[in-house]
C-alpha atoms as a PDB file:
ATOM      1  CA  MET A   1       5.935  -3.317  -7.801  1.00  0.00           C
ATOM      2  CA  ALA A   2       8.231  -0.094  -6.129  1.00  0.00           C
ATOM      3  CA  SER A   3      11.787  -1.458  -5.158  1.00  0.00           C
ATOM      4  CA  GLU A   4      11.611  -2.609  -2.005  1.00  0.00           C
ATOM      5  CA  THR A   5      14.163   0.390  -0.427  1.00  0.00           C
ATOM      6  CA  ALA A   6      13.944   1.076   3.341  1.00  0.00           C
ATOM      7  CA  TYR A   7      14.639   5.109   1.824  1.00  0.00           C
ATOM      8  CA  PRO A   8      13.836   6.898   0.222  1.00  0.00           C
ATOM      9  CA  LEU A   9      10.183   5.673   0.601  1.00  0.00           C
ATOM     10  CA  ALA A  10       9.040   3.235  -2.337  1.00  0.00           C
ATOM     11  CA  TRP A  11       4.959   3.818  -2.256  1.00  0.00           C
ATOM     12  CA  PRO A  12       3.789   0.094  -3.836  1.00  0.00           C
ATOM     13  CA  GLN A  13       2.743   1.254  -7.690  1.00  0.00           C
ATOM     14  CA  GLY A  14      -0.987   1.821  -8.035  1.00  0.00           C
ATOM     15  CA  TRP A  15      -1.755   2.833  -4.307  1.00  0.00           C
ATOM     16  CA  LYS A  16      -3.618   6.544  -4.368  1.00  0.00           C
ATOM     17  CA  ARG A  17      -1.592   8.778  -2.711  1.00  0.00           C
ATOM     18  CA  ASN A  18      -3.645  11.389   0.011  1.00  0.00           C
ATOM     19  CA  GLY A  19      -4.019  14.847  -0.949  1.00  0.00           C
ATOM     20  CA  SER A  20      -4.052  16.247   2.797  1.00  0.00           C
ATOM     21  CA  ARG A  21      -3.255  14.640   5.998  1.00  0.00           C
ATOM     22  CA  ALA A  22      -4.994  15.136   9.309  1.00  0.00           C
ATOM     23  CA  SER A  23      -3.225  14.742  13.084  1.00  0.00           C
ATOM     24  CA  ALA A  24      -3.920  11.185  14.475  1.00  0.00           C
ATOM     25  CA  GLN A  25      -5.152  10.063  17.824  1.00  0.00           C
ATOM     26  CA  PHE A  26      -2.798   8.215  18.333  1.00  0.00           C
ATOM     27  CA  ARG A  27      -1.370   8.513  21.991  1.00  0.00           C
ATOM     28  CA  HIS A  28       1.251   7.320  24.578  1.00  0.00           C
ATOM     29  CA  GLN A  29       1.285   8.045  28.375  1.00  0.00           C
ATOM     30  CA  ARG A  30      -0.641  10.609  27.887  1.00  0.00           C
ATOM     31  CA  GLY A  31       0.879  12.735  24.989  1.00  0.00           C
ATOM     32  CA  SER A  32       1.889  12.359  21.474  1.00  0.00           C
ATOM     33  CA  LEU A  33       3.469   8.691  20.151  1.00  0.00           C
ATOM     34  CA  PRO A  34       6.946   8.847  20.375  1.00  0.00           C
ATOM     35  CA  MET A  35       8.414   6.739  17.267  1.00  0.00           C
ATOM     36  CA  ASP A  36      10.014   3.975  19.323  1.00  0.00           C
ATOM     37  CA  VAL A  37       6.785   3.041  20.317  1.00  0.00           C
ATOM     38  CA  ALA A  38       5.253   3.134  17.114  1.00  0.00           C
ATOM     39  CA  LEU A  39       8.417   0.610  15.757  1.00  0.00           C
ATOM     40  CA  ARG A  40       7.769  -1.414  18.712  1.00  0.00           C
ATOM     41  CA  ARG A  41       3.961  -1.960  17.982  1.00  0.00           C
ATOM     42  CA  LEU A  42       4.782  -2.468  14.211  1.00  0.00           C
ATOM     43  CA  GLY A  43       7.203  -5.023  14.943  1.00  0.00           C
ATOM     44  CA  ASP A  44       4.828  -7.095  17.590  1.00  0.00           C
ATOM     45  CA  GLU A  45       1.739  -7.188  14.799  1.00  0.00           C
ATOM     46  CA  LEU A  46       3.911  -8.645  12.687  1.00  0.00           C
ATOM     47  CA  ALA A  47       5.243 -10.932  15.015  1.00  0.00           C
ATOM     48  CA  ARG A  48       2.168 -12.167  15.348  1.00  0.00           C
ATOM     49  CA  LEU A  49       1.484 -12.094  12.128  1.00  0.00           C
ATOM     50  CA  GLY A  50       3.573 -14.703  11.127  1.00  0.00           C
ATOM     51  CA  ALA A  51       5.588 -12.169   9.169  1.00  0.00           C
ATOM     52  CA  GLU A  52       8.785 -12.625   7.502  1.00  0.00           C
ATOM     53  CA  HIS A  53      11.261 -10.343   5.785  1.00  0.00           C
ATOM     54  CA  GLU A  54      10.036  -6.905   6.703  1.00  0.00           C
ATOM     55  CA  VAL A  55      10.516  -3.780   5.024  1.00  0.00           C
ATOM     56  CA  LEU A  56       9.738  -0.558   6.581  1.00  0.00           C
ATOM     57  CA  SER A  57       9.865   2.007   3.743  1.00  0.00           C
ATOM     58  CA  THR A  58      10.179   6.160   4.786  1.00  0.00           C
ATOM     59  CA  ASN A  59      11.470   8.860   3.568  1.00  0.00           C
ATOM     60  CA  CYS A  60      13.589   9.344   7.189  1.00  0.00           C
ATOM     61  CA  GLN A  61      17.103   8.223   6.938  1.00  0.00           C
ATOM     62  CA  ARG A  62      18.631   5.395   8.203  1.00  0.00           C
ATOM     63  CA  ARG A  63      21.786   4.685  10.680  1.00  0.00           C
ATOM     64  CA  VAL A  64      25.004   2.529   9.793  1.00  0.00           C
ATOM     65  CA  ASP A  65      23.237  -0.137  11.555  1.00  0.00           C
ATOM     66  CA  GLY A  66      19.846   0.384   9.397  1.00  0.00           C
ATOM     67  CA  SER A  67      17.801   2.055  12.213  1.00  0.00           C
ATOM     68  CA  LEU A  68      15.478   5.641  11.689  1.00  0.00           C
ATOM     69  CA  LYS A  69      16.628   8.924  12.842  1.00  0.00           C
ATOM     70  CA  VAL A  70      13.991   9.516  14.990  1.00  0.00           C
ATOM     71  CA  SER A  71      14.219  13.366  15.301  1.00  0.00           C
ATOM     72  CA  GLN A  72      13.293  13.401  11.281  1.00  0.00           C
ATOM     73  CA  THR A  73      10.414  14.649   9.935  1.00  0.00           C
ATOM     74  CA  PRO A  74       9.812  14.298   6.402  1.00  0.00           C
ATOM     75  CA  ALA A  75       7.864  16.029   3.821  1.00  0.00           C
ATOM     76  CA  ASP A  76       6.161  13.083   3.481  1.00  0.00           C
ATOM     77  CA  PRO A  77       5.180  11.198   5.964  1.00  0.00           C
ATOM     78  CA  GLY A  78       4.254   8.288   4.104  1.00  0.00           C
ATOM     79  CA  VAL A  79       5.073   4.167   5.375  1.00  0.00           C
ATOM     80  CA  ALA A  80       5.141   0.919   3.624  1.00  0.00           C
ATOM     81  CA  VAL A  81       5.589  -2.029   4.869  1.00  0.00           C
ATOM     82  CA  TYR A  82       6.488  -5.098   2.748  1.00  0.00           C
ATOM     83  CA  PHE A  83       6.678  -8.883   3.965  1.00  0.00           C
ATOM     84  CA  THR A  84       5.827 -12.167   3.477  1.00  0.00           C
ATOM     85  CA  LEU A  85       3.258 -13.789   4.394  1.00  0.00           C
ATOM     86  CA  LYS A  86       3.027 -17.213   4.013  1.00  0.00           C
ATOM     87  CA  LYS A  87       5.205 -17.171   0.760  1.00  0.00           C
ATOM     88  CA  ARG A  88       3.476 -14.638  -0.593  1.00  0.00           C
ATOM     89  CA  ARG A  89       4.733 -11.002  -1.068  1.00  0.00           C
ATOM     90  CA  VAL A  90       2.676  -8.724   0.425  1.00  0.00           C
ATOM     91  CA  VAL A  91       2.461  -4.703   0.894  1.00  0.00           C
ATOM     92  CA  LEU A  92       0.147  -2.162   3.620  1.00  0.00           C
ATOM     93  CA  ALA A  93       0.824   1.100   3.619  1.00  0.00           C
ATOM     94  CA  CYS A  94      -0.442   4.523   4.973  1.00  0.00           C
ATOM     95  CA  ASP A  95      -0.306   8.267   4.165  1.00  0.00           C
ATOM     96  CA  LYS A  96      -3.294   9.433   6.255  1.00  0.00           C
ATOM     97  CA  TRP A  97      -1.269  11.146   9.183  1.00  0.00           C
ATOM     98  CA  ASN A  98       1.204  13.934   9.125  1.00  0.00           C
ATOM     99  CA  ARG A  99       3.845  12.166  11.191  1.00  0.00           C
ATOM    100  CA  VAL A 100       5.322   9.317  10.002  1.00  0.00           C
ATOM    101  CA  GLN A 101       5.344   7.264  13.495  1.00  0.00           C
ATOM    102  CA  ASP A 102       1.143   8.213  13.109  1.00  0.00           C
ATOM    103  CA  ASN A 103       1.225   6.401   9.910  1.00  0.00           C
ATOM    104  CA  ILE A 104       3.170   3.507  11.378  1.00  0.00           C
ATOM    105  CA  ALA A 105       1.020   3.175  14.612  1.00  0.00           C
ATOM    106  CA  ALA A 106      -1.295   2.643  11.641  1.00  0.00           C
ATOM    107  CA  VAL A 107      -0.213   0.164   9.548  1.00  0.00           C
ATOM    108  CA  ALA A 108      -0.214  -2.044  13.152  1.00  0.00           C
ATOM    109  CA  ALA A 109      -3.666  -0.843  14.114  1.00  0.00           C
ATOM    110  CA  HIS A 110      -4.396  -1.815  10.563  1.00  0.00           C
ATOM    111  CA  ILE A 111      -3.130  -5.495  11.108  1.00  0.00           C
ATOM    112  CA  GLU A 112      -4.141  -5.562  14.288  1.00  0.00           C
ATOM    113  CA  ALA A 113      -7.264  -5.288  12.589  1.00  0.00           C
ATOM    114  CA  LEU A 114      -7.041  -8.379  10.405  1.00  0.00           C
ATOM    115  CA  ARG A 115      -5.910 -10.751  13.084  1.00  0.00           C
ATOM    116  CA  GLY A 116      -9.365 -10.061  14.503  1.00  0.00           C
ATOM    117  CA  GLN A 117     -11.087 -10.849  11.540  1.00  0.00           C
ATOM    118  CA  GLU A 118      -9.249 -14.765  11.892  1.00  0.00           C
ATOM    119  CA  ARG A 119     -10.158 -14.724  15.664  1.00  0.00           C
ATOM    120  CA  TRP A 120     -14.038 -13.966  15.374  1.00  0.00           C
ATOM    121  CA  GLY A 121     -13.900 -16.587  12.519  1.00  0.00           C
ATOM    122  CA  VAL A 122     -15.225 -14.900  10.013  1.00  0.00           C
ATOM    123  CA  GLY A 123     -12.278 -14.748   6.696  1.00  0.00           C
ATOM    124  CA  THR A 124      -9.362 -16.237   7.633  1.00  0.00           C
ATOM    125  CA  LEU A 125      -5.922 -14.075   6.998  1.00  0.00           C
ATOM    126  CA  GLU A 126      -5.097 -15.269   3.411  1.00  0.00           C
ATOM    127  CA  GLN A 127      -8.185 -14.053   2.344  1.00  0.00           C
ATOM    128  CA  ALA A 128      -8.224 -10.878   4.782  1.00  0.00           C
ATOM    129  CA  PHE A 129      -4.199 -10.133   2.734  1.00  0.00           C
ATOM    130  CA  LYS A 130      -5.282 -11.663  -0.570  1.00  0.00           C
ATOM    131  CA  GLY A 131      -5.952  -7.661  -1.258  1.00  0.00           C
ATOM    132  CA  TYR A 132      -2.602  -6.696  -0.404  1.00  0.00           C
ATOM    133  CA  GLU A 133      -0.933  -8.653  -2.750  1.00  0.00           C
ATOM    134  CA  ALA A 134       2.722  -7.365  -4.284  1.00  0.00           C
ATOM    135  CA  LEU A 135       1.182  -5.862  -7.602  1.00  0.00           C
ATOM    136  CA  GLU A 136       3.920  -7.538  -9.697  1.00  0.00           C
ATOM    137  CA  ASP A 137       2.145 -10.953  -8.668  1.00  0.00           C
ATOM    138  CA  PHE A 138      -0.886  -9.955 -10.462  1.00  0.00           C
ATOM    139  CA  THR A 139       0.187  -7.050 -13.038  1.00  0.00           C
ATOM    140  CA  MET A 140       3.311  -8.473 -14.683  1.00  0.00           C
ATOM    141  CA  GLY A 141       3.322  -9.666 -18.356  1.00  0.00           C
ATOM    142  CA  ILE A 142      -0.745  -8.584 -18.336  1.00  0.00           C
ATOM    143  CA  PRO A 143      -1.564  -6.193 -21.137  1.00  0.00           C
ATOM    144  CA  TRP A 144      -3.889  -2.780 -19.908  1.00  0.00           C
ATOM    145  CA  ARG A 145      -5.912  -3.892 -23.018  1.00  0.00           C
ATOM    146  CA  ARG A 146      -7.168  -7.229 -20.974  1.00  0.00           C
ATOM    147  CA  ILE A 147      -7.048  -5.130 -17.275  1.00  0.00           C
ATOM    148  CA  LEU A 148      -9.624  -2.603 -19.241  1.00  0.00           C
ATOM    149  CA  GLY A 149     -11.626  -4.520 -21.156  1.00  0.00           C
ATOM    150  CA  TYR A 150     -10.504  -3.883 -24.473  1.00  0.00           C
ATOM    151  CA  LYS A 151      -9.770  -7.313 -27.060  1.00  0.00           C
ATOM    152  CA  PRO A 152      -6.350  -7.665 -28.303  1.00  0.00           C
ATOM    153  CA  ASP A 153      -6.939  -5.844 -31.278  1.00  0.00           C
ATOM    154  CA  GLU A 154      -9.127  -2.598 -30.029  1.00  0.00           C
ATOM    155  CA  HIS A 155      -6.440   0.690 -30.593  1.00  0.00           C
ATOM    156  CA  PRO A 156      -8.588   3.356 -28.640  1.00  0.00           C
ATOM    157  CA  THR A 157      -7.801   6.382 -28.363  1.00  0.00           C
ATOM    158  CA  LEU A 158      -6.147   7.825 -25.014  1.00  0.00           C
ATOM    159  CA  SER A 159      -9.278   9.676 -24.512  1.00  0.00           C
ATOM    160  CA  GLU A 160     -11.273   7.230 -25.359  1.00  0.00           C
ATOM    161  CA  VAL A 161      -8.919   4.819 -22.400  1.00  0.00           C
ATOM    162  CA  GLU A 162      -9.253   7.163 -19.628  1.00  0.00           C
ATOM    163  CA  LEU A 163     -13.135   7.771 -20.090  1.00  0.00           C
ATOM    164  CA  LYS A 164     -13.429   4.050 -19.804  1.00  0.00           C
ATOM    165  CA  TRP A 165     -10.601   3.984 -16.713  1.00  0.00           C
ATOM    166  CA  LYS A 166     -12.980   6.739 -14.996  1.00  0.00           C
ATOM    167  CA  GLN A 167     -15.769   4.347 -15.488  1.00  0.00           C
ATOM    168  CA  ARG A 168     -14.273   1.186 -14.222  1.00  0.00           C
ATOM    169  CA  MET A 169     -12.991   3.359 -10.961  1.00  0.00           C
ATOM    170  CA  LYS A 170     -16.697   4.514  -9.999  1.00  0.00           C
ATOM    171  CA  GLU A 171     -17.420   1.681  -9.594  1.00  0.00           C
ATOM    172  CA  LEU A 172     -15.040   0.198  -6.640  1.00  0.00           C
ATOM    173  CA  HIS A 173     -15.975   2.051  -3.661  1.00  0.00           C
ATOM    174  CA  PRO A 174     -12.086   3.598  -2.899  1.00  0.00           C
ATOM    175  CA  ASP A 175     -12.482   2.649   0.522  1.00  0.00           C
ATOM    176  CA  ILE A 176     -13.321  -1.001   0.244  1.00  0.00           C
ATOM    177  CA  VAL A 177      -9.872  -2.939   0.858  1.00  0.00           C
ATOM    178  CA  GLY A 178      -9.407  -6.820  -0.291  1.00  0.00           C
ATOM    179  CA  GLY A 179     -10.462  -7.606  -4.100  1.00  0.00           C
ATOM    180  CA  MET A 180     -11.937  -4.344  -4.804  1.00  0.00           C
ATOM    181  CA  ALA A 181      -8.605  -2.567  -3.920  1.00  0.00           C
ATOM    182  CA  THR A 182      -6.830  -5.272  -5.822  1.00  0.00           C
ATOM    183  CA  GLN A 183      -8.728  -4.408  -8.929  1.00  0.00           C
ATOM    184  CA  ALA A 184      -8.874  -0.466  -8.366  1.00  0.00           C
ATOM    185  CA  ALA A 185      -5.163  -1.102  -8.188  1.00  0.00           C
ATOM    186  CA  GLN A 186      -4.757  -3.173 -11.629  1.00  0.00           C
ATOM    187  CA  LEU A 187      -6.735  -0.187 -13.237  1.00  0.00           C
ATOM    188  CA  ASN A 188      -4.244   1.821 -11.855  1.00  0.00           C
ATOM    189  CA  VAL A 189      -1.477   0.326 -13.517  1.00  0.00           C
ATOM    190  CA  ALA A 190      -3.380  -0.307 -16.517  1.00  0.00           C
ATOM    191  CA  ILE A 191      -3.675   3.085 -17.302  1.00  0.00           C
ATOM    192  CA  THR A 192      -0.594   4.164 -16.732  1.00  0.00           C
ATOM    193  CA  GLU A 193       0.971   1.757 -19.450  1.00  0.00           C
ATOM    194  CA  ALA A 194      -1.855   2.928 -21.531  1.00  0.00           C
ATOM    195  CA  ARG A 195      -0.838   6.836 -21.260  1.00  0.00           C
ATOM    196  CA  LYS A 196       3.044   5.498 -22.379  1.00  0.00           C
ATOM    197  CA  GLU A 197       2.323   4.210 -24.734  1.00  0.00           C
ATOM    198  CA  LEU A 198      -0.434   5.819 -26.482  1.00  0.00           C
ATOM    199  CA  ARG A 199       1.333   9.147 -25.463  1.00  0.00           C
ATOM    200  CA  ALA A 200       4.110   7.787 -27.660  1.00  0.00           C
ATOM    201  CA  ALA A 201       2.277   7.024 -30.626  1.00  0.00           C
END
């Protein structure tokens, strides 16, 4: 897992980045969403969720008191929110939109939707957030061969590993959250480790 720095952006390990970004539809009083409103929405949702030890990570520089300098427009507007939920460290991240405040609002809206699932009685928050556990919880010490389906004594080539990784990734729909997102993140960590080892060899 990336170190949870408020600045610069600590994008979660294994999470795919968006190659292109769009203008979001988040609005406030018929205008574009200001940073302070986006931060308030996120804070309110985290409080309703019961989150603890929150770290909002962005490429916006901070003041001495730790608050965001709201007038910034960094080239990379992605955000990652790390927090503890029921003793588990989880992370939510978004870089779909071209403004930091819209990505913050998107995370807030996502949390609101997940809370709604629990209210509707279909699932629990624990189930909903299972796929967002910090990567260190489920990749620490697990060999890349095991994640990609190789035996410990197998020695595939890098091209074979790349092909296996691509095949496994095609089995996972990129928009599915939860368990599928977790598996995709594991595979991305595994291929990174495999490339390091096999290229060095």
